[in-house]
Amino acid sequence: MENEHFNLSLRRFLKEVGISSQQEVERLVRERDLAGKGQLKVKMVLTAEGTDLHHVVDGKIDLS
């Protein structure tokens, strides 16, 4: 049961990260009129307070 609670909590956090990140990228593209203008280089950094966790994901979003 303990593991199930952890997994649910982690999934809730990741869902919030995914949804809020998508909204922010969409807002940026809209406000700066970037649609159709190549690629947007993005980076997501995950840290956890009190630990040495530092996970980086680099990517590109096609704006066409």
N, C-alpha and C. Protein backbone atom coordinates (compact mmCIF):
# COMPACT_ATOMS: atom_id res chain seq x y z
N MET A 1 0.80 -1.19 0.00
CA MET A 1 0.00 0.00 0.00
C MET A 1 0.85 1.27 0.00
N GLU A 2 1.93 1.27 0.77
CA GLU A 2 2.79 2.44 0.86
C GLU A 2 3.33 2.82 -0.51
N ASN A 3 3.76 1.84 -1.28
CA ASN A 3 4.28 2.08 -2.62
C ASN A 3 3.20 2.66 -3.53
N GLU A 4 1.99 2.21 -3.38
CA GLU A 4 0.88 2.71 -4.19
C GLU A 4 0.63 4.19 -3.90
N HIS A 5 0.68 4.57 -2.64
CA HIS A 5 0.49 5.97 -2.27
C HIS A 5 1.59 6.84 -2.90
N PHE A 6 2.83 6.37 -2.82
CA PHE A 6 3.96 7.09 -3.43
C PHE A 6 3.74 7.26 -4.93
N ASN A 7 3.38 6.18 -5.61
CA ASN A 7 3.17 6.24 -7.06
C ASN A 7 2.05 7.21 -7.44
N LEU A 8 0.97 7.22 -6.69
CA LEU A 8 -0.13 8.14 -6.97
C LEU A 8 0.30 9.59 -6.75
N SER A 9 1.05 9.82 -5.69
CA SER A 9 1.53 11.16 -5.40
C SER A 9 2.49 11.64 -6.48
N LEU A 10 3.39 10.78 -6.90
CA LEU A 10 4.34 11.11 -7.96
C LEU A 10 3.62 11.39 -9.26
N ARG A 11 2.66 10.57 -9.61
CA ARG A 11 1.90 10.78 -10.85
C ARG A 11 1.13 12.09 -10.83
N ARG A 12 0.56 12.45 -9.68
CA ARG A 12 -0.14 13.74 -9.55
C ARG A 12 0.82 14.90 -9.80
N PHE A 13 2.00 14.80 -9.21
CA PHE A 13 3.01 15.85 -9.40
C PHE A 13 3.41 15.95 -10.87
N LEU A 14 3.70 14.82 -11.50
CA LEU A 14 4.12 14.83 -12.90
C LEU A 14 3.02 15.32 -13.82
N LYS A 15 1.78 15.02 -13.51
CA LYS A 15 0.65 15.51 -14.30
C LYS A 15 0.58 17.03 -14.20
N GLU A 16 0.74 17.56 -12.99
CA GLU A 16 0.73 19.01 -12.79
C GLU A 16 1.89 19.67 -13.56
N VAL A 17 3.06 19.06 -13.51
CA VAL A 17 4.21 19.60 -14.25
C VAL A 17 3.91 19.61 -15.74
N GLY A 18 3.38 18.51 -16.26
CA GLY A 18 3.10 18.42 -17.69
C GLY A 18 2.06 19.43 -18.16
N ILE A 19 0.97 19.54 -17.43
CA ILE A 19 -0.10 20.45 -17.82
C ILE A 19 0.34 21.90 -17.71
N SER A 20 0.95 22.26 -16.59
CA SER A 20 1.36 23.65 -16.41
C SER A 20 2.48 24.03 -17.38
N SER A 21 3.38 23.10 -17.68
CA SER A 21 4.45 23.38 -18.64
C SER A 21 3.90 23.59 -20.03
N GLN A 22 2.95 22.77 -20.43
CA GLN A 22 2.33 22.93 -21.75
C GLN A 22 1.64 24.29 -21.85
N GLN A 23 0.93 24.67 -20.81
CA GLN A 23 0.23 25.96 -20.81
C GLN A 23 1.22 27.11 -20.93
N GLU A 24 2.34 27.03 -20.25
CA GLU A 24 3.34 28.10 -20.30
C GLU A 24 4.00 28.20 -21.67
N VAL A 25 4.29 27.06 -22.28
CA VAL A 25 4.88 27.08 -23.62
C VAL A 25 3.87 27.64 -24.62
N GLU A 26 2.63 27.22 -24.53
CA GLU A 26 1.58 27.74 -25.42
C GLU A 26 1.42 29.25 -25.25
N ARG A 27 1.45 29.73 -24.01
CA ARG A 27 1.34 31.16 -23.73
C ARG A 27 2.52 31.91 -24.36
N LEU A 28 3.72 31.40 -24.19
CA LEU A 28 4.91 32.02 -24.75
C LEU A 28 4.83 32.12 -26.27
N VAL A 29 4.45 31.02 -26.91
CA VAL A 29 4.35 30.99 -28.37
C VAL A 29 3.30 31.99 -28.85
N ARG A 30 2.19 32.06 -28.15
CA ARG A 30 1.11 32.99 -28.52
C ARG A 30 1.54 34.44 -28.31
N GLU A 31 2.08 34.76 -27.13
CA GLU A 31 2.43 36.14 -26.80
C GLU A 31 3.58 36.69 -27.64
N ARG A 32 4.50 35.81 -28.01
CA ARG A 32 5.66 36.26 -28.79
C ARG A 32 5.51 35.97 -30.28
N ASP A 33 4.33 35.53 -30.66
CA ASP A 33 4.02 35.24 -32.06
C ASP A 33 5.10 34.34 -32.69
N LEU A 34 5.38 33.21 -32.05
CA LEU A 34 6.43 32.31 -32.49
C LEU A 34 5.94 31.17 -33.39
N ALA A 35 4.64 31.03 -33.55
CA ALA A 35 4.10 29.93 -34.35
C ALA A 35 4.67 29.99 -35.76
N GLY A 36 5.14 28.84 -36.25
CA GLY A 36 5.68 28.74 -37.60
C GLY A 36 7.09 29.26 -37.73
N LYS A 37 7.77 29.52 -36.63
CA LYS A 37 9.10 30.13 -36.67
C LYS A 37 10.18 29.19 -36.17
N GLY A 38 10.29 28.04 -36.79
CA GLY A 38 11.39 27.12 -36.47
C GLY A 38 11.14 26.25 -35.26
N GLN A 39 12.14 26.23 -34.39
CA GLN A 39 12.07 25.38 -33.20
C GLN A 39 12.33 26.21 -31.96
N LEU A 40 11.78 25.74 -30.86
CA LEU A 40 12.01 26.34 -29.56
C LEU A 40 12.84 25.36 -28.75
N LYS A 41 14.05 25.76 -28.37
CA LYS A 41 14.90 24.91 -27.52
C LYS A 41 14.41 25.05 -26.09
N VAL A 42 14.16 23.93 -25.46
CA VAL A 42 13.64 23.93 -24.09
C VAL A 42 14.49 23.04 -23.19
N LYS A 43 14.40 23.32 -21.90
CA LYS A 43 15.12 22.52 -20.91
C LYS A 43 14.25 22.42 -19.67
N MET A 44 14.13 21.22 -19.14
CA MET A 44 13.40 21.00 -17.90
C MET A 44 14.42 20.49 -16.87
N VAL A 45 14.43 21.14 -15.71
CA VAL A 45 15.36 20.76 -14.64
C VAL A 45 14.54 20.32 -13.43
N LEU A 46 14.84 19.12 -12.95
CA LEU A 46 14.15 18.58 -11.78
C LEU A 46 15.15 18.51 -10.63
N THR A 47 14.78 19.15 -9.52
CA THR A 47 15.58 19.07 -8.30
C THR A 47 14.67 18.67 -7.16
N ALA A 48 15.25 18.19 -6.09
CA ALA A 48 14.48 17.84 -4.89
C ALA A 48 15.20 18.44 -3.68
N GLU A 49 14.51 19.31 -3.01
CA GLU A 49 15.10 20.00 -1.86
C GLU A 49 15.68 19.01 -0.86
N GLY A 50 16.88 19.30 -0.42
CA GLY A 50 17.54 18.46 0.58
C GLY A 50 18.22 17.23 0.01
N THR A 51 18.26 17.12 -1.33
CA THR A 51 18.93 15.98 -1.96
C THR A 51 19.88 16.49 -3.03
N ASP A 52 20.65 15.58 -3.63
CA ASP A 52 21.55 15.96 -4.72
C ASP A 52 20.90 15.71 -6.09
N LEU A 53 19.59 15.50 -6.12
CA LEU A 53 18.90 15.27 -7.39
C LEU A 53 19.02 16.49 -8.29
N HIS A 54 19.49 16.26 -9.49
CA HIS A 54 19.59 17.31 -10.52
C HIS A 54 19.45 16.59 -11.86
N HIS A 55 18.21 16.49 -12.35
CA HIS A 55 17.91 15.77 -13.58
C HIS A 55 17.53 16.78 -14.65
N VAL A 56 18.23 16.76 -15.79
CA VAL A 56 18.00 17.73 -16.85
C VAL A 56 17.52 17.00 -18.11
N VAL A 57 16.46 17.54 -18.71
CA VAL A 57 15.96 17.03 -19.97
C VAL A 57 15.97 18.20 -20.96
N ASP A 58 16.76 18.07 -22.03
CA ASP A 58 16.81 19.06 -23.09
C ASP A 58 15.96 18.58 -24.26
N GLY A 59 15.36 19.53 -24.96
CA GLY A 59 14.56 19.13 -26.12
C GLY A 59 14.30 20.31 -27.03
N LYS A 60 13.60 20.02 -28.10
CA LYS A 60 13.20 21.03 -29.08
C LYS A 60 11.73 20.83 -29.38
N ILE A 61 11.02 21.93 -29.51
CA ILE A 61 9.61 21.90 -29.86
C ILE A 61 9.47 22.53 -31.22
N ASP A 62 8.92 21.78 -32.17
CA ASP A 62 8.71 22.26 -33.52
C ASP A 62 7.56 23.25 -33.52
N LEU A 63 7.79 24.45 -33.99
CA LEU A 63 6.79 25.51 -33.97
C LEU A 63 5.99 25.64 -35.25
N SER A 64 6.25 24.75 -36.22
CA SER A 64 5.53 24.85 -37.49
C SER A 64 4.15 24.25 -37.43
